[in-house]
Every structure is written in structure tokens, then in C-alpha cells.
């Protein structure tokens, strides 16, 4: 079962703005496309904060095997998460939300 962690809106420049929400964290995020420096480098950087931004993660473009849709595989870290990273998928909504939301961040818990 996937859990929605946030709602994001895609801008014409290819960046995404929105809010990540967990039980203990609510953070405004901006996901910005970047030039890849190597094959394994991220396609996007994730920043938190308004005005003075600080980097909290990265994103890699992926293509879903079943649908062929492109999504971002996100890796986000913060002290509040402890030593673990939050790994989520940023996927496009079939229809934009009433507030203009175009994408959602989905987290799928892994069995341990």
C-alpha cells in the first residue's frame, strides 16, 4: 500500500514545488532539475525552505515498466528521519487537483 507524503505542482521550468508531510515533519520543498555530471548523478536536487534553501535530497528520472510513464525516484534525508532516508516516488496525477496540484509523492513501506 502506497502512502501519499506530499502534493506538488510542476512549473514550466521543470521544477516542482510543494509540501512534504509526515507525522512529525511538514516541509516546503522545491525539486529542481540539474545537469547530470555523470551517468549515476541525480537528475534533480531537492531543497527545503523558503528564501534560504538548503539541500535535503535528490531525484532520479525513471520509467515505469508497466505503464511507460516517467516518474522521479526521490531520496530525502533530515535529522528528524534518523539515519534512514525517505524514499518516495513523485508521480503525475491523471487529473490536476482543485488546487493545481499535478504530482504526488508516494511512499511505499518496505518489509523488514
PDB file of N, CA and C in Angstrom:
ATOM      1  N   UNK A   1       0.837  -1.170   0.000  1.00  0.00           N
ATOM      2  CA  UNK A   1       0.000   0.000   0.000  1.00  0.00           C
ATOM      3  C   UNK A   1       0.891   1.245   0.000  1.00  0.00           C
ATOM      4  N   UNK A   2       0.675   2.137  -0.939  1.00  0.00           N
ATOM      5  CA  UNK A   2       1.438   3.382  -1.011  1.00  0.00           C
ATOM      6  C   UNK A   2       0.736   4.465  -0.193  1.00  0.00           C
ATOM      7  N   UNK A   3       1.545   5.297   0.455  1.00  0.00           N
ATOM      8  CA  UNK A   3       1.033   6.383   1.286  1.00  0.00           C
ATOM      9  C   UNK A   3       1.461   7.705   0.669  1.00  0.00           C
ATOM     10  N   UNK A   4       0.534   8.637   0.527  1.00  0.00           N
ATOM     11  CA  UNK A   4       0.851   9.950  -0.022  1.00  0.00           C
ATOM     12  C   UNK A   4       1.543  10.796   1.031  1.00  0.00           C
ATOM     13  N   UNK A   5       2.754  11.281   0.692  1.00  0.00           N
ATOM     14  CA  UNK A   5       3.527  12.121   1.608  1.00  0.00           C
ATOM     15  C   UNK A   5       3.497  13.588   1.224  1.00  0.00           C
ATOM     16  N   UNK A   6       3.031  13.909   0.023  1.00  0.00           N
ATOM     17  CA  UNK A   6       3.048  15.308  -0.372  1.00  0.00           C
ATOM     18  C   UNK A   6       2.376  15.543  -1.700  1.00  0.00           C
ATOM     19  N   UNK A   7       2.075  16.822  -1.943  1.00  0.00           N
ATOM     20  CA  UNK A   7       1.463  17.254  -3.197  1.00  0.00           C
ATOM     21  C   UNK A   7       2.354  18.329  -3.804  1.00  0.00           C
ATOM     22  N   UNK A   8       2.566  18.240  -5.117  1.00  0.00           N
ATOM     23  CA  UNK A   8       3.488  19.133  -5.803  1.00  0.00           C
ATOM     24  C   UNK A   8       2.889  19.623  -7.107  1.00  0.00           C
ATOM     25  N   UNK A   9       3.343  20.813  -7.512  1.00  0.00           N
ATOM     26  CA  UNK A   9       2.915  21.410  -8.771  1.00  0.00           C
ATOM     27  C   UNK A   9       4.142  21.611  -9.643  1.00  0.00           C
ATOM     28  N   UNK A  10       4.044  21.167 -10.895  1.00  0.00           N
ATOM     29  CA  UNK A  10       5.157  21.310 -11.830  1.00  0.00           C
ATOM     30  C   UNK A  10       5.102  22.675 -12.484  1.00  0.00           C
ATOM     31  N   UNK A  11       6.254  23.357 -12.535  1.00  0.00           N
ATOM     32  CA  UNK A  11       6.374  24.670 -13.178  1.00  0.00           C
ATOM     33  C   UNK A  11       6.864  24.485 -14.610  1.00  0.00           C
ATOM     34  N   UNK A  12       6.755  25.538 -15.412  1.00  0.00           N
ATOM     35  CA  UNK A  12       7.180  25.474 -16.808  1.00  0.00           C
ATOM     36  C   UNK A  12       8.686  25.239 -16.936  1.00  0.00           C
ATOM     37  N   UNK A  13       9.470  25.589 -15.909  1.00  0.00           N
ATOM     38  CA  UNK A  13      10.916  25.376 -15.961  1.00  0.00           C
ATOM     39  C   UNK A  13      11.312  23.952 -15.583  1.00  0.00           C
ATOM     40  N   UNK A  14      10.321  23.087 -15.300  1.00  0.00           N
ATOM     41  CA  UNK A  14      10.592  21.697 -14.965  1.00  0.00           C
ATOM     42  C   UNK A  14      10.772  21.433 -13.489  1.00  0.00           C
ATOM     43  N   UNK A  15      10.697  22.467 -12.650  1.00  0.00           N
ATOM     44  CA  UNK A  15      10.818  22.273 -11.204  1.00  0.00           C
ATOM     45  C   UNK A  15       9.441  21.954 -10.612  1.00  0.00           C
ATOM     46  N   UNK A  16       9.468  21.419  -9.407  1.00  0.00           N
ATOM     47  CA  UNK A  16       8.245  21.068  -8.684  1.00  0.00           C
ATOM     48  C   UNK A  16       8.277  21.780  -7.338  1.00  0.00           C
ATOM     49  N   UNK A  17       7.144  22.351  -6.926  1.00  0.00           N
ATOM     50  CA  UNK A  17       7.043  22.967  -5.608  1.00  0.00           C
ATOM     51  C   UNK A  17       5.882  22.313  -4.863  1.00  0.00           C
ATOM     52  N   UNK A  18       6.079  22.119  -3.564  1.00  0.00           N
ATOM     53  CA  UNK A  18       5.019  21.508  -2.780  1.00  0.00           C
ATOM     54  C   UNK A  18       5.435  21.318  -1.341  1.00  0.00           C
ATOM     55  N   UNK A  19       4.674  20.477  -0.654  1.00  0.00           N
ATOM     56  CA  UNK A  19       4.898  20.242   0.770  1.00  0.00           C
ATOM     57  C   UNK A  19       4.978  18.756   1.039  1.00  0.00           C
ATOM     58  N   UNK A  20       6.014  18.366   1.778  1.00  0.00           N
ATOM     59  CA  UNK A  20       6.168  17.005   2.264  1.00  0.00           C
ATOM     60  C   UNK A  20       5.600  16.971   3.677  1.00  0.00           C
ATOM     61  N   UNK A  21       4.731  15.997   3.966  1.00  0.00           N
ATOM     62  CA  UNK A  21       4.134  15.894   5.292  1.00  0.00           C
ATOM     63  C   UNK A  21       4.232  14.468   5.806  1.00  0.00           C
ATOM     64  N   UNK A  22       4.778  14.342   7.025  1.00  0.00           N
ATOM     65  CA  UNK A  22       4.771  13.077   7.747  1.00  0.00           C
ATOM     66  C   UNK A  22       4.150  13.364   9.111  1.00  0.00           C
ATOM     67  N   UNK A  23       4.145  12.392   9.998  1.00  0.00           N
ATOM     68  CA  UNK A  23       3.579  12.630  11.324  1.00  0.00           C
ATOM     69  C   UNK A  23       4.334  13.707  12.084  1.00  0.00           C
ATOM     70  N   UNK A  24       5.654  13.808  11.869  1.00  0.00           N
ATOM     71  CA  UNK A  24       6.471  14.751  12.624  1.00  0.00           C
ATOM     72  C   UNK A  24       7.056  15.896  11.805  1.00  0.00           C
ATOM     73  N   UNK A  25       6.946  15.834  10.495  1.00  0.00           N
ATOM     74  CA  UNK A  25       7.604  16.816   9.631  1.00  0.00           C
ATOM     75  C   UNK A  25       6.616  17.390   8.630  1.00  0.00           C
ATOM     76  N   UNK A  26       6.637  18.713   8.501  1.00  0.00           N
ATOM     77  CA  UNK A  26       5.942  19.398   7.413  1.00  0.00           C
ATOM     78  C   UNK A  26       6.963  20.365   6.824  1.00  0.00           C
ATOM     79  N   UNK A  27       7.330  20.149   5.561  1.00  0.00           N
ATOM     80  CA  UNK A  27       8.390  20.950   4.960  1.00  0.00           C
ATOM     81  C   UNK A  27       8.019  21.374   3.548  1.00  0.00           C
ATOM     82  N   UNK A  28       8.249  22.655   3.246  1.00  0.00           N
ATOM     83  CA  UNK A  28       8.103  23.153   1.886  1.00  0.00           C
ATOM     84  C   UNK A  28       9.328  22.719   1.100  1.00  0.00           C
ATOM     85  N   UNK A  29       9.106  22.072  -0.034  1.00  0.00           N
ATOM     86  CA  UNK A  29      10.206  21.579  -0.853  1.00  0.00           C
ATOM     87  C   UNK A  29      10.134  22.138  -2.262  1.00  0.00           C
ATOM     88  N   UNK A  30      11.293  22.256  -2.874  1.00  0.00           N
ATOM     89  CA  UNK A  30      11.410  22.579  -4.295  1.00  0.00           C
ATOM     90  C   UNK A  30      12.311  21.513  -4.894  1.00  0.00           C
ATOM     91  N   UNK A  31      11.857  20.893  -5.971  1.00  0.00           N
ATOM     92  CA  UNK A  31      12.624  19.861  -6.664  1.00  0.00           C
ATOM     93  C   UNK A  31      13.039  20.454  -8.008  1.00  0.00           C
ATOM     94  N   UNK A  32      14.350  20.639  -8.192  1.00  0.00           N
ATOM     95  CA  UNK A  32      14.880  21.402  -9.314  1.00  0.00           C
ATOM     96  C   UNK A  32      15.687  20.499 -10.244  1.00  0.00           C
ATOM     97  N   UNK A  33      15.420  20.549 -11.568  1.00  0.00           N
ATOM     98  CA  UNK A  33      16.243  19.763 -12.492  1.00  0.00           C
ATOM     99  C   UNK A  33      17.667  20.321 -12.546  1.00  0.00           C
ATOM    100  N   UNK A  34      18.642  19.425 -12.689  1.00  0.00           N
ATOM    101  CA  UNK A  34      20.048  19.813 -12.764  1.00  0.00           C
ATOM    102  C   UNK A  34      20.710  19.088 -13.927  1.00  0.00           C
ATOM    103  N   UNK A  35      21.837  19.630 -14.376  1.00  0.00           N
ATOM    104  CA  UNK A  35      22.631  18.954 -15.398  1.00  0.00           C
ATOM    105  C   UNK A  35      23.372  17.800 -14.748  1.00  0.00           C
ATOM    106  N   UNK A  36      23.277  16.618 -15.344  1.00  0.00           N
ATOM    107  CA  UNK A  36      23.957  15.445 -14.800  1.00  0.00           C
ATOM    108  C   UNK A  36      25.456  15.560 -15.036  1.00  0.00           C
ATOM    109  N   UNK A  37      26.223  15.284 -13.991  1.00  0.00           N
ATOM    110  CA  UNK A  37      27.681  15.323 -14.094  1.00  0.00           C
ATOM    111  C   UNK A  37      28.258  13.947 -14.446  1.00  0.00           C
ATOM    112  N   UNK A  38      27.484  12.896 -14.214  1.00  0.00           N
ATOM    113  CA  UNK A  38      27.899  11.536 -14.565  1.00  0.00           C
ATOM    114  C   UNK A  38      26.642  10.697 -14.758  1.00  0.00           C
ATOM    115  N   UNK A  39      26.826   9.470 -15.210  1.00  0.00           N
ATOM    116  CA  UNK A  39      25.688   8.599 -15.502  1.00  0.00           C
ATOM    117  C   UNK A  39      24.816   8.342 -14.278  1.00  0.00           C
ATOM    118  N   UNK A  40      25.416   8.187 -13.101  1.00  0.00           N
ATOM    119  CA  UNK A  40      24.667   7.879 -11.883  1.00  0.00           C
ATOM    120  C   UNK A  40      24.252   9.108 -11.089  1.00  0.00           C
ATOM    121  N   UNK A  41      24.641  10.289 -11.542  1.00  0.00           N
ATOM    122  CA  UNK A  41      24.294  11.522 -10.838  1.00  0.00           C
ATOM    123  C   UNK A  41      22.786  11.759 -10.908  1.00  0.00           C
ATOM    124  N   UNK A  42      22.228  12.454  -9.922  1.00  0.00           N
ATOM    125  CA  UNK A  42      20.782  12.722  -9.937  1.00  0.00           C
ATOM    126  C   UNK A  42      20.382  13.677 -11.054  1.00  0.00           C
ATOM    127  N   UNK A  43      19.121  13.550 -11.457  1.00  0.00           N
ATOM    128  CA  UNK A  43      18.539  14.446 -12.457  1.00  0.00           C
ATOM    129  C   UNK A  43      17.945  15.683 -11.802  1.00  0.00           C
ATOM    130  N   UNK A  44      17.654  15.597 -10.512  1.00  0.00           N
ATOM    131  CA  UNK A  44      17.044  16.687  -9.750  1.00  0.00           C
ATOM    132  C   UNK A  44      17.694  16.788  -8.381  1.00  0.00           C
ATOM    133  N   UNK A  45      17.663  17.985  -7.804  1.00  0.00           N
ATOM    134  CA  UNK A  45      18.070  18.221  -6.424  1.00  0.00           C
ATOM    135  C   UNK A  45      16.835  18.666  -5.660  1.00  0.00           C
ATOM    136  N   UNK A  46      16.742  18.245  -4.396  1.00  0.00           N
ATOM    137  CA  UNK A  46      15.600  18.581  -3.544  1.00  0.00           C
ATOM    138  C   UNK A  46      16.066  19.583  -2.498  1.00  0.00           C
ATOM    139  N   UNK A  47      15.366  20.716  -2.419  1.00  0.00           N
ATOM    140  CA  UNK A  47      15.705  21.777  -1.478  1.00  0.00           C
ATOM    141  C   UNK A  47      14.523  22.056  -0.559  1.00  0.00           C
ATOM    142  N   UNK A  48      14.822  22.394   0.697  1.00  0.00           N
ATOM    143  CA  UNK A  48      13.805  22.780   1.674  1.00  0.00           C
ATOM    144  C   UNK A  48      13.995  24.241   2.019  1.00  0.00           C
ATOM    145  N   UNK A  49      12.916  24.854   2.494  1.00  0.00           N
ATOM    146  CA  UNK A  49      12.999  26.231   2.961  1.00  0.00           C
ATOM    147  C   UNK A  49      12.515  27.230   1.926  1.00  0.00           C
ATOM    148  N   UNK A  50      12.101  28.369   2.444  1.00  0.00           N
ATOM    149  CA  UNK A  50      11.696  29.487   1.597  1.00  0.00           C
ATOM    150  C   UNK A  50      12.791  30.536   1.699  1.00  0.00           C
ATOM    151  N   UNK A  51      13.200  31.095   0.587  1.00  0.00           N
ATOM    152  CA  UNK A  51      14.280  32.077   0.622  1.00  0.00           C
ATOM    153  C   UNK A  51      15.620  31.379   0.699  1.00  0.00           C
ATOM    154  N   UNK A  52      16.137  31.166   1.897  1.00  0.00           N
ATOM    155  CA  UNK A  52      17.407  30.458   2.080  1.00  0.00           C
ATOM    156  C   UNK A  52      17.148  28.964   2.000  1.00  0.00           C
ATOM    157  N   UNK A  53      17.408  28.383   0.852  1.00  0.00           N
ATOM    158  CA  UNK A  53      17.168  26.960   0.660  1.00  0.00           C
ATOM    159  C   UNK A  53      18.385  26.149   1.088  1.00  0.00           C
ATOM    160  N   UNK A  54      18.114  24.932   1.545  1.00  0.00           N
ATOM    161  CA  UNK A  54      19.189  24.006   1.830  1.00  0.00           C
ATOM    162  C   UNK A  54      18.825  22.653   1.242  1.00  0.00           C
ATOM    163  N   UNK A  55      19.851  21.962   0.728  1.00  0.00           N
ATOM    164  CA  UNK A  55      19.631  20.704   0.026  1.00  0.00           C
ATOM    165  C   UNK A  55      19.313  19.591   1.013  1.00  0.00           C
ATOM    166  N   UNK A  56      18.253  18.839   0.714  1.00  0.00           N
ATOM    167  CA  UNK A  56      17.851  17.732   1.579  1.00  0.00           C
ATOM    168  C   UNK A  56      17.733  16.407   0.827  1.00  0.00           C
ATOM    169  N   UNK A  57      17.983  16.430  -0.485  1.00  0.00           N
ATOM    170  CA  UNK A  57      17.854  15.180  -1.217  1.00  0.00           C
ATOM    171  C   UNK A  57      18.091  15.332  -2.703  1.00  0.00           C
ATOM    172  N   UNK A  58      17.759  14.253  -3.411  1.00  0.00           N
ATOM    173  CA  UNK A  58      17.973  14.204  -4.854  1.00  0.00           C
ATOM    174  C   UNK A  58      16.899  13.339  -5.497  1.00  0.00           C
ATOM    175  N   UNK A  59      16.797  13.436  -6.818  1.00  0.00           N
ATOM    176  CA  UNK A  59      15.811  12.646  -7.554  1.00  0.00           C
ATOM    177  C   UNK A  59      16.373  12.151  -8.876  1.00  0.00           C
ATOM    178  N   UNK A  60      15.990  10.941  -9.233  1.00  0.00           N
ATOM    179  CA  UNK A  60      16.421  10.322 -10.485  1.00  0.00           C
ATOM    180  C   UNK A  60      15.194  10.010 -11.329  1.00  0.00           C
ATOM    181  N   UNK A  61      15.234  10.364 -12.599  1.00  0.00           N
ATOM    182  CA  UNK A  61      14.139  10.056 -13.524  1.00  0.00           C
ATOM    183  C   UNK A  61      14.124   8.560 -13.798  1.00  0.00           C
ATOM    184  N   UNK A  62      12.932   7.978 -13.747  1.00  0.00           N
ATOM    185  CA  UNK A  62      12.740   6.557 -14.002  1.00  0.00           C
ATOM    186  C   UNK A  62      11.545   6.398 -14.938  1.00  0.00           C
ATOM    187  N   UNK A  63      11.472   5.255 -15.594  1.00  0.00           N
ATOM    188  CA  UNK A  63      10.325   4.940 -16.449  1.00  0.00           C
ATOM    189  C   UNK A  63       9.671   3.683 -15.890  1.00  0.00           C
ATOM    190  N   UNK A  64       8.373   3.770 -15.633  1.00  0.00           N
ATOM    191  CA  UNK A  64       7.627   2.623 -15.099  1.00  0.00           C
ATOM    192  C   UNK A  64       7.556   1.530 -16.153  1.00  0.00           C
ATOM    193  N   UNK A  65       7.878   0.306 -15.751  1.00  0.00           N
ATOM    194  CA  UNK A  65       7.873  -0.820 -16.689  1.00  0.00           C
ATOM    195  C   UNK A  65       6.480  -1.128 -17.211  1.00  0.00           C
ATOM    196  N   UNK A  66       5.481  -1.034 -16.345  1.00  0.00           N
ATOM    197  CA  UNK A  66       4.122  -1.418 -16.739  1.00  0.00           C
ATOM    198  C   UNK A  66       3.432  -0.376 -17.602  1.00  0.00           C
ATOM    199  N   UNK A  67       3.566   0.909 -17.249  1.00  0.00           N
ATOM    200  CA  UNK A  67       2.814   1.949 -17.967  1.00  0.00           C
ATOM    201  C   UNK A  67       3.664   2.770 -18.924  1.00  0.00           C
ATOM    202  N   UNK A  68       4.980   2.762 -18.735  1.00  0.00           N
ATOM    203  CA  UNK A  68       5.842   3.596 -19.568  1.00  0.00           C
ATOM    204  C   UNK A  68       5.878   5.050 -19.135  1.00  0.00           C
ATOM    205  N   UNK A  69       5.195   5.369 -18.021  1.00  0.00           N
ATOM    206  CA  UNK A  69       5.164   6.734 -17.506  1.00  0.00           C
ATOM    207  C   UNK A  69       6.496   7.075 -16.825  1.00  0.00           C
ATOM    208  N   UNK A  70       6.913   8.332 -16.962  1.00  0.00           N
ATOM    209  CA  UNK A  70       8.118   8.796 -16.292  1.00  0.00           C
ATOM    210  C   UNK A  70       7.747   9.313 -14.901  1.00  0.00           C
ATOM    211  N   UNK A  71       8.580   9.004 -13.917  1.00  0.00           N
ATOM    212  CA  UNK A  71       8.386   9.493 -12.552  1.00  0.00           C
ATOM    213  C   UNK A  71       9.755   9.801 -11.962  1.00  0.00           C
ATOM    214  N   UNK A  72       9.781  10.456 -10.811  1.00  0.00           N
ATOM    215  CA  UNK A  72      11.033  10.724 -10.121  1.00  0.00           C
ATOM    216  C   UNK A  72      11.146   9.814  -8.914  1.00  0.00           C
ATOM    217  N   UNK A  73      12.290   9.174  -8.791  1.00  0.00           N
ATOM    218  CA  UNK A  73      12.605   8.361  -7.636  1.00  0.00           C
ATOM    219  C   UNK A  73      13.370   9.276  -6.682  1.00  0.00           C
ATOM    220  N   UNK A  74      12.751   9.674  -5.570  1.00  0.00           N
ATOM    221  CA  UNK A  74      13.324  10.650  -4.649  1.00  0.00           C
ATOM    222  C   UNK A  74      13.984   9.989  -3.455  1.00  0.00           C
ATOM    223  N   UNK A  75      15.058  10.618  -2.978  1.00  0.00           N
ATOM    224  CA  UNK A  75      15.744  10.209  -1.757  1.00  0.00           C
ATOM    225  C   UNK A  75      15.916  11.476  -0.933  1.00  0.00           C
ATOM    226  N   UNK A  76      15.234  11.539   0.235  1.00  0.00           N
ATOM    227  CA  UNK A  76      15.205  12.746   1.055  1.00  0.00           C
ATOM    228  C   UNK A  76      15.673  12.402   2.466  1.00  0.00           C
ATOM    229  N   UNK A  77      16.545  13.238   3.014  1.00  0.00           N
ATOM    230  CA  UNK A  77      17.065  12.996   4.345  1.00  0.00           C
ATOM    231  C   UNK A  77      16.976  14.234   5.225  1.00  0.00           C
ATOM    232  N   UNK A  78      16.824  14.014   6.511  1.00  0.00           N
ATOM    233  CA  UNK A  78      16.803  15.091   7.501  1.00  0.00           C
ATOM    234  C   UNK A  78      17.066  14.463   8.863  1.00  0.00           C
ATOM    235  N   UNK A  79      17.610  15.223   9.804  1.00  0.00           N
ATOM    236  CA  UNK A  79      17.871  14.665  11.137  1.00  0.00           C
ATOM    237  C   UNK A  79      16.626  14.043  11.777  1.00  0.00           C
ATOM    238  N   UNK A  80      15.456  14.593  11.480  1.00  0.00           N
ATOM    239  CA  UNK A  80      14.210  14.076  12.045  1.00  0.00           C
ATOM    240  C   UNK A  80      13.928  12.639  11.610  1.00  0.00           C
ATOM    241  N   UNK A  81      14.520  12.229  10.487  1.00  0.00           N
ATOM    242  CA  UNK A  81      14.303  10.880   9.974  1.00  0.00           C
ATOM    243  C   UNK A  81      15.314   9.886  10.546  1.00  0.00           C
ATOM    244  N   UNK A  82      16.230  10.361  11.375  1.00  0.00           N
ATOM    245  CA  UNK A  82      17.271   9.487  11.912  1.00  0.00           C
ATOM    246  C   UNK A  82      18.238   9.093  10.814  1.00  0.00           C
ATOM    247  N   UNK A  83      18.837   7.912  10.937  1.00  0.00           N
ATOM    248  CA  UNK A  83      19.839   7.504   9.946  1.00  0.00           C
ATOM    249  C   UNK A  83      19.234   7.039   8.624  1.00  0.00           C
ATOM    250  N   UNK A  84      17.931   6.948   8.556  1.00  0.00           N
ATOM    251  CA  UNK A  84      17.261   6.456   7.344  1.00  0.00           C
ATOM    252  C   UNK A  84      16.882   7.594   6.400  1.00  0.00           C
ATOM    253  N   UNK A  85      16.838   7.291   5.139  1.00  0.00           N
ATOM    254  CA  UNK A  85      16.370   8.214   4.118  1.00  0.00           C
ATOM    255  C   UNK A  85      14.910   7.906   3.821  1.00  0.00           C
ATOM    256  N   UNK A  86      14.139   8.920   3.485  1.00  0.00           N
ATOM    257  CA  UNK A  86      12.795   8.693   2.967  1.00  0.00           C
ATOM    258  C   UNK A  86      12.946   8.505   1.471  1.00  0.00           C
ATOM    259  N   UNK A  87      12.463   7.406   0.985  1.00  0.00           N
ATOM    260  CA  UNK A  87      12.480   7.132  -0.450  1.00  0.00           C
ATOM    261  C   UNK A  87      11.039   7.169  -0.937  1.00  0.00           C
ATOM    262  N   UNK A  88      10.792   8.023  -1.916  1.00  0.00           N
ATOM    263  CA  UNK A  88       9.430   8.203  -2.419  1.00  0.00           C
ATOM    264  C   UNK A  88       9.470   8.340  -3.935  1.00  0.00           C
ATOM    265  N   UNK A  89       8.324   8.151  -4.550  1.00  0.00           N
ATOM    266  CA  UNK A  89       8.176   8.343  -5.993  1.00  0.00           C
ATOM    267  C   UNK A  89       7.300   9.565  -6.226  1.00  0.00           C
ATOM    268  N   UNK A  90       7.743  10.461  -7.085  1.00  0.00           N
ATOM    269  CA  UNK A  90       6.936  11.613  -7.470  1.00  0.00           C
ATOM    270  C   UNK A  90       6.254  11.247  -8.777  1.00  0.00           C
ATOM    271  N   UNK A  91       4.935  11.064  -8.725  1.00  0.00           N
ATOM    272  CA  UNK A  91       4.186  10.600  -9.893  1.00  0.00           C
ATOM    273  C   UNK A  91       3.146  11.635 -10.310  1.00  0.00           C
ATOM    274  N   UNK A  92       2.857  11.635 -11.601  1.00  0.00           N
ATOM    275  CA  UNK A  92       1.894  12.580 -12.159  1.00  0.00           C
ATOM    276  C   UNK A  92       0.477  12.099 -11.875  1.00  0.00           C
ATOM    277  N   UNK A  93      -0.382  13.039 -11.472  1.00  0.00           N
ATOM    278  CA  UNK A  93      -1.802  12.731 -11.286  1.00  0.00           C
ATOM    279  C   UNK A  93      -2.471  12.633 -12.648  1.00  0.00           C
ATOM    280  N   UNK A  94      -3.474  11.769 -12.754  1.00  0.00           N
ATOM    281  CA  UNK A  94      -4.205  11.647 -14.020  1.00  0.00           C
ATOM    282  C   UNK A  94      -4.930  12.948 -14.349  1.00  0.00           C
ATOM    283  N   UNK A  95      -5.473  13.598 -13.326  1.00  0.00           N
ATOM    284  CA  UNK A  95      -6.127  14.897 -13.489  1.00  0.00           C
ATOM    285  C   UNK A  95      -5.619  15.819 -12.399  1.00  0.00           C
ATOM    286  N   UNK A  96      -5.274  17.069 -12.738  1.00  0.00           N
ATOM    287  CA  UNK A  96      -4.801  18.007 -11.713  1.00  0.00           C
ATOM    288  C   UNK A  96      -5.840  18.173 -10.605  1.00  0.00           C
ATOM    289  N   UNK A  97      -5.347  18.384  -9.388  1.00  0.00           N
ATOM    290  CA  UNK A  97      -6.225  18.614  -8.250  1.00  0.00           C
ATOM    291  C   UNK A  97      -6.866  19.992  -8.318  1.00  0.00           C
ATOM    292  N   UNK A  98      -7.831  20.220  -7.460  1.00  0.00           N
ATOM    293  CA  UNK A  98      -8.534  21.508  -7.436  1.00  0.00           C
ATOM    294  C   UNK A  98      -7.597  22.672  -7.127  1.00  0.00           C
ATOM    295  N   UNK A  99      -6.520  22.383  -6.377  1.00  0.00           N
ATOM    296  CA  UNK A  99      -5.566  23.430  -6.012  1.00  0.00           C
ATOM    297  C   UNK A  99      -4.435  23.585  -7.034  1.00  0.00           C
ATOM    298  N   UNK A 100      -4.527  22.902  -8.177  1.00  0.00           N
ATOM    299  CA  UNK A 100      -3.490  22.984  -9.204  1.00  0.00           C
ATOM    300  C   UNK A 100      -2.416  21.927  -9.069  1.00  0.00           C
ATOM    301  N   UNK A 101      -2.535  21.060  -8.058  1.00  0.00           N
ATOM    302  CA  UNK A 101      -1.562  20.000  -7.849  1.00  0.00           C
ATOM    303  C   UNK A 101      -1.488  19.109  -9.084  1.00  0.00           C
ATOM    304  N   UNK A 102      -0.267  18.831  -9.537  1.00  0.00           N
ATOM    305  CA  UNK A 102      -0.086  17.984 -10.716  1.00  0.00           C
ATOM    306  C   UNK A 102       0.598  16.656 -10.398  1.00  0.00           C
ATOM    307  N   UNK A 103       1.297  16.580  -9.248  1.00  0.00           N
ATOM    308  CA  UNK A 103       2.050  15.390  -8.882  1.00  0.00           C
ATOM    309  C   UNK A 103       1.900  15.107  -7.383  1.00  0.00           C
ATOM    310  N   UNK A 104       2.079  13.845  -6.998  1.00  0.00           N
ATOM    311  CA  UNK A 104       2.086  13.483  -5.586  1.00  0.00           C
ATOM    312  C   UNK A 104       3.321  12.635  -5.290  1.00  0.00           C
ATOM    313  N   UNK A 105       3.808  12.740  -4.058  1.00  0.00           N
ATOM    314  CA  UNK A 105       4.923  11.919  -3.593  1.00  0.00           C
ATOM    315  C   UNK A 105       4.351  10.720  -2.862  1.00  0.00           C
ATOM    316  N   UNK A 106       4.698   9.537  -3.332  1.00  0.00           N
ATOM    317  CA  UNK A 106       4.198   8.304  -2.736  1.00  0.00           C
ATOM    318  C   UNK A 106       5.326   7.551  -2.053  1.00  0.00           C
ATOM    319  N   UNK A 107       5.048   7.068  -0.849  1.00  0.00           N
ATOM    320  CA  UNK A 107       5.999   6.263  -0.087  1.00  0.00           C
ATOM    321  C   UNK A 107       5.395   4.890   0.089  1.00  0.00           C
ATOM    322  N   UNK A 108       6.186   3.863  -0.203  1.00  0.00           N
ATOM    323  CA  UNK A 108       5.721   2.509  -0.024  1.00  0.00           C
ATOM    324  C   UNK A 108       6.616   1.830   0.999  1.00  0.00           C
ATOM    325  N   UNK A 109       6.078   1.509   2.186  1.00  0.00           N
ATOM    326  CA  UNK A 109       6.905   0.888   3.220  1.00  0.00           C
ATOM    327  C   UNK A 109       7.482  -0.443   2.724  1.00  0.00           C
ATOM    328  N   UNK A 110       8.715  -0.672   3.102  1.00  0.00           N
ATOM    329  CA  UNK A 110       9.368  -1.924   2.741  1.00  0.00           C
ATOM    330  C   UNK A 110       9.263  -2.874   3.922  1.00  0.00           C
ATOM    331  N   UNK A 111       9.025  -4.142   3.637  1.00  0.00           N
ATOM    332  CA  UNK A 111       9.019  -5.133   4.710  1.00  0.00           C
ATOM    333  C   UNK A 111      10.440  -5.305   5.200  1.00  0.00           C
ATOM    334  N   UNK A 112      10.579  -5.411   6.497  1.00  0.00           N
ATOM    335  CA  UNK A 112      11.930  -5.537   7.071  1.00  0.00           C
ATOM    336  C   UNK A 112      12.215  -6.948   7.443  1.00  0.00           C
TER     337      UNK A 112
END
